[in-house]
C-alpha atoms as a PDB file:
ATOM      1  CA  MET A   1      -0.715  -0.247   0.343  1.00  0.00           C
ATOM      2  CA  ARG A   2       1.505   3.706  -0.886  1.00  0.00           C
ATOM      3  CA  LEU A   3       0.380   6.700   1.504  1.00  0.00           C
ATOM      4  CA  LEU A   4       1.106   9.868   1.416  1.00  0.00           C
ATOM      5  CA  LEU A   5       1.765  11.941   4.408  1.00  0.00           C
ATOM      6  CA  ILE A   6       1.795  15.971   4.237  1.00  0.00           C
ATOM      7  CA  GLU A   7       3.091  16.613   7.725  1.00  0.00           C
ATOM      8  CA  ASP A   8       4.890  19.660   7.773  1.00  0.00           C
ATOM      9  CA  GLU A   9       6.701  19.369  11.551  1.00  0.00           C
ATOM     10  CA  ALA A  10      10.457  17.650  10.074  1.00  0.00           C
ATOM     11  CA  LYS A  11      10.715  14.897  13.499  1.00  0.00           C
ATOM     12  CA  LEU A  12       7.185  13.504  13.675  1.00  0.00           C
ATOM     13  CA  GLY A  13       6.681  13.434   9.902  1.00  0.00           C
ATOM     14  CA  GLU A  14      10.481  11.806   9.777  1.00  0.00           C
ATOM     15  CA  TYR A  15       9.298   9.031  12.907  1.00  0.00           C
ATOM     16  CA  LEU A  16       5.999   8.455  11.122  1.00  0.00           C
ATOM     17  CA  ARG A  17       7.342   7.638   7.562  1.00  0.00           C
ATOM     18  CA  LYS A  18       9.877   5.426   9.023  1.00  0.00           C
ATOM     19  CA  GLY A  19       7.393   4.315  11.722  1.00  0.00           C
ATOM     20  CA  LEU A  20       5.134   2.779   8.498  1.00  0.00           C
ATOM     21  CA  ALA A  21       7.611   1.852   6.741  1.00  0.00           C
ATOM     22  CA  GLU A  22       7.952  -0.975   9.186  1.00  0.00           C
ATOM     23  CA  GLU A  23       4.497  -1.729   8.821  1.00  0.00           C
ATOM     24  CA  SER A  24       4.864  -2.266   4.932  1.00  0.00           C
ATOM     25  CA  TYR A  25       3.724   0.544   3.377  1.00  0.00           C
ATOM     26  CA  THR A  26       5.818   2.490   0.782  1.00  0.00           C
ATOM     27  CA  VAL A  27       5.070   6.775   1.996  1.00  0.00           C
ATOM     28  CA  ASP A  28       5.865   9.609   0.130  1.00  0.00           C
ATOM     29  CA  VAL A  29       6.418  12.829   2.270  1.00  0.00           C
ATOM     30  CA  ALA A  30       5.263  15.797   1.868  1.00  0.00           C
ATOM     31  CA  THR A  31       6.032  19.134   3.822  1.00  0.00           C
ATOM     32  CA  ASN A  32       3.540  21.494   2.607  1.00  0.00           C
ATOM     33  CA  GLY A  33       0.473  22.314   1.401  1.00  0.00           C
ATOM     34  CA  ILE A  34       1.912  22.628  -2.374  1.00  0.00           C
ATOM     35  CA  ASP A  35       3.444  19.561  -2.707  1.00  0.00           C
ATOM     36  CA  GLY A  36       1.475  17.517  -0.956  1.00  0.00           C
ATOM     37  CA  LEU A  37      -1.219  18.827  -3.034  1.00  0.00           C
ATOM     38  CA  HIS A  38       0.526  18.525  -5.533  1.00  0.00           C
ATOM     39  CA  LEU A  39       1.636  14.516  -5.153  1.00  0.00           C
ATOM     40  CA  ALA A  40      -2.338  13.670  -4.103  1.00  0.00           C
ATOM     41  CA  MET A  41      -3.371  14.872  -7.624  1.00  0.00           C
ATOM     42  CA  GLU A  42      -0.551  13.599 -10.022  1.00  0.00           C
ATOM     43  CA  LEU A  43       0.094  10.104  -8.191  1.00  0.00           C
ATOM     44  CA  ASP A  44      -2.337   7.364  -7.260  1.00  0.00           C
ATOM     45  CA  TYR A  45      -1.823   6.534  -3.403  1.00  0.00           C
ATOM     46  CA  ASP A  46      -4.240   4.475  -1.273  1.00  0.00           C
ATOM     47  CA  LEU A  47      -4.420   6.778   1.658  1.00  0.00           C
ATOM     48  CA  VAL A  48      -3.245  10.245   2.418  1.00  0.00           C
ATOM     49  CA  VAL A  49      -2.327  11.131   5.819  1.00  0.00           C
ATOM     50  CA  LEU A  50      -2.652  15.118   6.294  1.00  0.00           C
ATOM     51  CA  ASP A  51      -1.923  18.439   8.711  1.00  0.00           C
ATOM     52  CA  GLY A  52      -5.035  20.222   9.304  1.00  0.00           C
ATOM     53  CA  MET A  53      -2.142  22.988   9.452  1.00  0.00           C
ATOM     54  CA  LEU A  54      -0.011  23.242   7.257  1.00  0.00           C
ATOM     55  CA  PRO A  55       2.366  26.283   5.659  1.00  0.00           C
ATOM     56  CA  GLY A  56       1.596  27.158   1.418  1.00  0.00           C
ATOM     57  CA  ILE A  57      -1.993  26.066   1.649  1.00  0.00           C
ATOM     58  CA  ASP A  58      -3.171  24.490   5.220  1.00  0.00           C
ATOM     59  CA  GLY A  59      -4.469  20.861   5.304  1.00  0.00           C
ATOM     60  CA  PHE A  60      -9.001  21.792   4.768  1.00  0.00           C
ATOM     61  CA  ALA A  61      -7.735  23.906   1.509  1.00  0.00           C
ATOM     62  CA  VAL A  62      -5.916  20.811   0.498  1.00  0.00           C
ATOM     63  CA  LEU A  63      -8.645  18.441   1.136  1.00  0.00           C
ATOM     64  CA  ALA A  64     -10.518  20.038  -0.533  1.00  0.00           C
ATOM     65  CA  ALA A  65      -9.788  20.824  -3.688  1.00  0.00           C
ATOM     66  CA  LEU A  66      -8.204  17.329  -3.988  1.00  0.00           C
ATOM     67  CA  ARG A  67     -11.556  16.318  -3.541  1.00  0.00           C
ATOM     68  CA  GLN A  68     -13.395  18.284  -6.539  1.00  0.00           C
ATOM     69  CA  SER A  69     -11.302  15.312  -8.443  1.00  0.00           C
ATOM     70  CA  LYS A  70     -10.575  11.907  -6.191  1.00  0.00           C
ATOM     71  CA  SER A  71     -12.192  10.118  -3.499  1.00  0.00           C
ATOM     72  CA  THR A  72      -9.074   9.007  -1.790  1.00  0.00           C
ATOM     73  CA  PRO A  73      -8.985   8.180   2.062  1.00  0.00           C
ATOM     74  CA  VAL A  74      -8.397  10.417   3.589  1.00  0.00           C
ATOM     75  CA  LEU A  75      -6.775  10.844   7.347  1.00  0.00           C
ATOM     76  CA  MET A  76      -6.812  14.269   9.393  1.00  0.00           C
ATOM     77  CA  LEU A  77      -4.420  15.145  12.112  1.00  0.00           C
ATOM     78  CA  THR A  78      -4.760  18.229  14.026  1.00  0.00           C
ATOM     79  CA  ALA A  79      -3.238  19.951  17.122  1.00  0.00           C
ATOM     80  CA  ARG A  80      -6.701  21.132  17.554  1.00  0.00           C
ATOM     81  CA  ALA A  81      -9.480  19.709  19.840  1.00  0.00           C
ATOM     82  CA  ASP A  82     -11.681  22.045  19.283  1.00  0.00           C
ATOM     83  CA  VAL A  83     -14.741  19.823  17.945  1.00  0.00           C
ATOM     84  CA  GLN A  84     -15.598  22.783  15.279  1.00  0.00           C
ATOM     85  CA  ASP A  85     -12.340  21.701  13.981  1.00  0.00           C
ATOM     86  CA  ARG A  86     -13.419  17.591  13.315  1.00  0.00           C
ATOM     87  CA  VAL A  87     -16.134  18.632  11.886  1.00  0.00           C
ATOM     88  CA  ARG A  88     -14.849  21.236   9.367  1.00  0.00           C
ATOM     89  CA  GLY A  89     -12.511  18.722   8.214  1.00  0.00           C
ATOM     90  CA  LEU A  90     -15.055  15.613   8.300  1.00  0.00           C
ATOM     91  CA  GLN A  91     -17.743  17.360   6.583  1.00  0.00           C
ATOM     92  CA  SER A  92     -15.217  18.930   3.924  1.00  0.00           C
ATOM     93  CA  GLY A  93     -14.657  15.271   3.021  1.00  0.00           C
ATOM     94  CA  ALA A  94     -11.960  13.716   5.721  1.00  0.00           C
ATOM     95  CA  ASP A  95     -12.835   9.809   5.902  1.00  0.00           C
ATOM     96  CA  ASP A  96     -11.180  10.178   9.743  1.00  0.00           C
ATOM     97  CA  TYR A  97      -9.475  12.734  12.504  1.00  0.00           C
ATOM     98  CA  LEU A  98      -7.007  12.384  14.355  1.00  0.00           C
ATOM     99  CA  ILE A  99      -5.937  14.706  17.274  1.00  0.00           C
ATOM    100  CA  LYS A 100      -1.537  15.413  18.162  1.00  0.00           C
ATOM    101  CA  PRO A 101      -0.211  13.840  20.665  1.00  0.00           C
ATOM    102  CA  PHE A 102      -1.314  10.464  19.352  1.00  0.00           C
ATOM    103  CA  ALA A 103      -0.038   6.787  19.722  1.00  0.00           C
ATOM    104  CA  PHE A 104       1.445   5.940  16.846  1.00  0.00           C
ATOM    105  CA  SER A 105      -0.905   2.381  16.899  1.00  0.00           C
ATOM    106  CA  GLU A 106      -3.620   4.210  16.901  1.00  0.00           C
ATOM    107  CA  LEU A 107      -2.711   5.942  13.961  1.00  0.00           C
ATOM    108  CA  VAL A 108      -1.079   2.662  12.816  1.00  0.00           C
ATOM    109  CA  ALA A 109      -5.116   1.032  12.970  1.00  0.00           C
ATOM    110  CA  ARG A 110      -7.182   3.302  11.934  1.00  0.00           C
ATOM    111  CA  ILE A 111      -5.098   3.838   8.653  1.00  0.00           C
ATOM    112  CA  GLN A 112      -6.123  -0.388   8.691  1.00  0.00           C
ATOM    113  CA  VAL A 113      -9.712   0.407   9.198  1.00  0.00           C
ATOM    114  CA  LEU A 114      -9.462   3.535   6.672  1.00  0.00           C
ATOM    115  CA  LEU A 115      -7.938   1.078   3.992  1.00  0.00           C
ATOM    116  CA  ARG A 116      -9.761  -2.315   4.329  1.00  0.00           C
ATOM    117  CA  ARG A 117     -13.056   0.117   4.240  1.00  0.00           C
ATOM    118  CA  ALA A 118     -12.136   1.340   0.967  1.00  0.00           C
ATOM    119  CA  GLN A 119     -11.225  -2.105  -0.804  1.00  0.00           C
ATOM    120  CA  ALA A 120     -14.557  -3.173   0.362  1.00  0.00           C
ATOM    121  CA  HIS A 121     -16.249   0.321  -1.473  1.00  0.00           C
ATOM    122  CA  PRO A 122     -13.974   0.657  -4.070  1.00  0.00           C
ATOM    123  CA  ALA A 123     -14.977   4.492  -5.872  1.00  0.00           C
ATOM    124  CA  SER A 124     -15.451   4.862  -9.299  1.00  0.00           C
ATOM    125  CA  PRO A 125     -12.966   4.596 -11.162  1.00  0.00           C
ATOM    126  CA  GLU A 126     -12.079   9.003 -12.832  1.00  0.00           C
ATOM    127  CA  PRO A 127     -13.133   9.605 -16.287  1.00  0.00           C
ATOM    128  CA  THR A 128     -10.120   9.704 -19.171  1.00  0.00           C
ATOM    129  CA  VAL A 129     -11.953  12.323 -20.765  1.00  0.00           C
ATOM    130  CA  LEU A 130     -12.942  15.198 -20.389  1.00  0.00           C
ATOM    131  CA  ARG A 131     -15.864  16.798 -21.851  1.00  0.00           C
ATOM    132  CA  GLN A 132     -18.178  20.111 -21.775  1.00  0.00           C
ATOM    133  CA  ALA A 133     -20.207  21.077 -25.589  1.00  0.00           C
ATOM    134  CA  ASP A 134     -17.905  20.253 -27.981  1.00  0.00           C
ATOM    135  CA  LEU A 135     -14.850  20.136 -26.036  1.00  0.00           C
ATOM    136  CA  GLU A 136     -13.381  17.216 -25.357  1.00  0.00           C
ATOM    137  CA  LEU A 137      -9.580  16.304 -23.331  1.00  0.00           C
ATOM    138  CA  ASP A 138      -8.843  12.628 -24.030  1.00  0.00           C
ATOM    139  CA  LEU A 139      -6.953  12.521 -20.841  1.00  0.00           C
ATOM    140  CA  ILE A 140      -5.378   8.958 -21.609  1.00  0.00           C
ATOM    141  CA  ARG A 141      -3.819  10.085 -25.012  1.00  0.00           C
ATOM    142  CA  ARG A 142      -3.294  13.622 -24.431  1.00  0.00           C
ATOM    143  CA  LYS A 143      -5.220  14.706 -26.951  1.00  0.00           C
ATOM    144  CA  ALA A 144      -7.734  18.042 -27.272  1.00  0.00           C
ATOM    145  CA  VAL A 145     -10.548  17.893 -29.679  1.00  0.00           C
ATOM    146  CA  ARG A 146     -13.470  20.766 -30.314  1.00  0.00           C
ATOM    147  CA  ALA A 147     -15.868  20.346 -33.148  1.00  0.00           C
ATOM    148  CA  GLY A 148     -13.889  17.727 -34.817  1.00  0.00           C
ATOM    149  CA  VAL A 149     -10.930  19.352 -35.072  1.00  0.00           C
ATOM    150  CA  ARG A 150      -7.233  18.897 -33.398  1.00  0.00           C
ATOM    151  CA  LEU A 151      -5.848  21.013 -30.544  1.00  0.00           C
ATOM    152  CA  ASP A 152      -2.415  22.084 -30.394  1.00  0.00           C
ATOM    153  CA  LEU A 153      -1.974  22.947 -27.240  1.00  0.00           C
ATOM    154  CA  THR A 154       1.608  22.907 -24.771  1.00  0.00           C
ATOM    155  CA  ALA A 155       2.011  21.050 -21.416  1.00  0.00           C
ATOM    156  CA  LYS A 156       1.125  23.479 -19.160  1.00  0.00           C
ATOM    157  CA  GLU A 157      -1.881  24.422 -21.541  1.00  0.00           C
ATOM    158  CA  PHE A 158      -3.447  21.092 -21.536  1.00  0.00           C
ATOM    159  CA  ASN A 159      -3.320  20.730 -17.858  1.00  0.00           C
ATOM    160  CA  LEU A 160      -4.321  24.106 -17.422  1.00  0.00           C
ATOM    161  CA  LEU A 161      -7.246  22.747 -20.016  1.00  0.00           C
ATOM    162  CA  ALA A 162      -7.874  19.574 -17.968  1.00  0.00           C
ATOM    163  CA  LEU A 163      -8.209  21.391 -14.011  1.00  0.00           C
ATOM    164  CA  LEU A 164     -11.010  23.608 -15.773  1.00  0.00           C
ATOM    165  CA  LEU A 165     -12.484  21.196 -17.474  1.00  0.00           C
ATOM    166  CA  ARG A 166     -12.502  18.716 -14.296  1.00  0.00           C
ATOM    167  CA  ARG A 167     -13.891  21.052 -12.376  1.00  0.00           C
ATOM    168  CA  GLN A 168     -16.218  22.954 -14.733  1.00  0.00           C
ATOM    169  CA  GLY A 169     -19.363  25.667 -13.198  1.00  0.00           C
ATOM    170  CA  GLU A 170     -16.693  26.354 -10.048  1.00  0.00           C
ATOM    171  CA  VAL A 171     -15.396  29.754 -10.231  1.00  0.00           C
ATOM    172  CA  LEU A 172     -11.071  29.102 -10.094  1.00  0.00           C
ATOM    173  CA  SER A 173      -8.669  32.523  -8.564  1.00  0.00           C
ATOM    174  CA  ARG A 174      -5.434  32.610  -9.985  1.00  0.00           C
ATOM    175  CA  THR A 175      -3.970  31.236  -6.953  1.00  0.00           C
ATOM    176  CA  GLU A 176      -5.531  28.542  -6.952  1.00  0.00           C
ATOM    177  CA  LEU A 177      -4.166  27.534 -10.855  1.00  0.00           C
ATOM    178  CA  ALA A 178      -0.256  29.316 -10.100  1.00  0.00           C
ATOM    179  CA  SER A 179      -0.688  26.654  -7.222  1.00  0.00           C
ATOM    180  CA  GLN A 180      -2.088  23.327  -9.539  1.00  0.00           C
ATOM    181  CA  VAL A 181      -0.938  24.265 -12.592  1.00  0.00           C
ATOM    182  CA  TRP A 182       2.902  25.759 -12.342  1.00  0.00           C
ATOM    183  CA  ASP A 183       3.396  24.726  -8.289  1.00  0.00           C
ATOM    184  CA  MET A 184       3.982  27.786  -7.093  1.00  0.00           C
ATOM    185  CA  ASN A 185       3.277  30.654  -4.435  1.00  0.00           C
ATOM    186  CA  PHE A 186       0.260  33.344  -6.611  1.00  0.00           C
ATOM    187  CA  ASP A 187       2.657  36.973  -6.798  1.00  0.00           C
ATOM    188  CA  SER A 188       0.526  39.835  -7.901  1.00  0.00           C
ATOM    189  CA  GLU A 189       3.978  40.929 -10.061  1.00  0.00           C
ATOM    190  CA  THR A 190       3.324  38.463 -12.226  1.00  0.00           C
ATOM    191  CA  ASN A 191       1.136  37.524 -14.923  1.00  0.00           C
ATOM    192  CA  VAL A 192       1.692  33.694 -15.514  1.00  0.00           C
ATOM    193  CA  VAL A 193      -1.702  33.029 -15.172  1.00  0.00           C
ATOM    194  CA  GLU A 194      -3.597  35.397 -17.397  1.00  0.00           C
ATOM    195  CA  VAL A 195      -0.793  34.745 -20.322  1.00  0.00           C
ATOM    196  CA  ALA A 196      -1.810  31.175 -20.181  1.00  0.00           C
ATOM    197  CA  VAL A 197      -5.853  31.486 -20.140  1.00  0.00           C
ATOM    198  CA  ARG A 198      -4.697  34.384 -22.943  1.00  0.00           C
ATOM    199  CA  ARG A 199      -3.508  31.789 -25.006  1.00  0.00           C
ATOM    200  CA  LEU A 200      -5.499  29.087 -24.696  1.00  0.00           C
ATOM    201  CA  ARG A 201      -8.592  31.066 -25.451  1.00  0.00           C
ATOM    202  CA  MET A 202      -6.355  31.283 -27.785  1.00  0.00           C
ATOM    203  CA  LYS A 203      -6.589  27.885 -29.242  1.00  0.00           C
ATOM    204  CA  VAL A 204      -9.936  26.589 -27.640  1.00  0.00           C
ATOM    205  CA  ASP A 205     -11.736  29.883 -28.273  1.00  0.00           C
ATOM    206  CA  GLN A 206     -11.441  32.123 -30.369  1.00  0.00           C
ATOM    207  CA  PRO A 207     -12.035  29.886 -33.073  1.00  0.00           C
ATOM    208  CA  PHE A 208     -15.229  28.218 -32.397  1.00  0.00           C
ATOM    209  CA  ALA A 209     -18.553  30.937 -32.428  1.00  0.00           C
ATOM    210  CA  THR A 210     -18.991  30.077 -28.400  1.00  0.00           C
ATOM    211  CA  PRO A 211     -16.867  31.077 -25.673  1.00  0.00           C
ATOM    212  CA  LEU A 212     -16.374  28.487 -22.870  1.00  0.00           C
ATOM    213  CA  ILE A 213     -14.015  30.281 -21.042  1.00  0.00           C
ATOM    214  CA  HIS A 214     -14.936  32.702 -18.856  1.00  0.00           C
ATOM    215  CA  THR A 215     -13.516  35.721 -17.054  1.00  0.00           C
ATOM    216  CA  VAL A 216     -14.935  36.267 -13.449  1.00  0.00           C
ATOM    217  CA  ARG A 217     -14.291  40.249 -12.957  1.00  0.00           C
ATOM    218  CA  GLY A 218     -12.108  40.342  -9.462  1.00  0.00           C
ATOM    219  CA  MET A 219     -12.410  37.148  -9.270  1.00  0.00           C
ATOM    220  CA  GLY A 220     -11.037  34.146 -11.871  1.00  0.00           C
ATOM    221  CA  TYR A 221     -12.200  31.773 -14.700  1.00  0.00           C
ATOM    222  CA  VAL A 222     -14.864  29.558 -14.963  1.00  0.00           C
ATOM    223  CA  LEU A 223     -14.763  27.028 -18.271  1.00  0.00           C
ATOM    224  CA  GLU A 224     -18.905  26.197 -19.115  1.00  0.00           C
ATOM    225  CA  SER A 225     -21.598  26.501 -21.670  1.00  0.00           C
ATOM    226  CA  ARG A 226     -22.749  29.746 -21.752  1.00  0.00           C
ATOM    227  CA  ALA A 227     -26.158  30.972 -24.168  1.00  0.00           C
ATOM    228  CA  GLN A 228     -25.630  33.592 -26.285  1.00  0.00           C
ATOM    229  CA  PRO A 229     -27.618  37.697 -26.037  1.00  0.00           C
END
């Protein structure tokens, strides 16, 4: 079984990694929310152990973003015993909650329970083809087609379009696009997101009658079909 541990306390992270390795788990470790979310989205894990308080983006934001496209079991860790925090985590999609400090044996037991539950009720496979109107994105063949016309996209443009399609109808901020597509913290002085969206629109929207990528002023971008005036 392959686990992802997202924990910013270096000593605790190394202790848990070694302990879980001794329990025959393969463990990848991320020390901040941005790296953790990238690994969780790009690779297939059997379970994620996620600290609630993280630099970059916190564990709740990581969980919310992960749940947009993946149903990987998540065990959240927190130093807070506040009931509201536990409720927030569970409502955001966490499968279980463990309060620090905890016994390592309890962590292992909870992981085992979640893995057994996941094996008994396997999640539906994620779609390999994403669609909106006459736009189609094949994630396996890395092929984008609109109205029967093949779109020539760069790797970043393809990843950006895939994110917009996975979360079609939802407004995505520049900060979130920067963190998930470029693995970077958003800097207001940087226009990398705007430039990339503009170039993507030239390929996805400009040659066709109906635009699909829309700007929501002051908020970000959304991909959706809209009725023409």
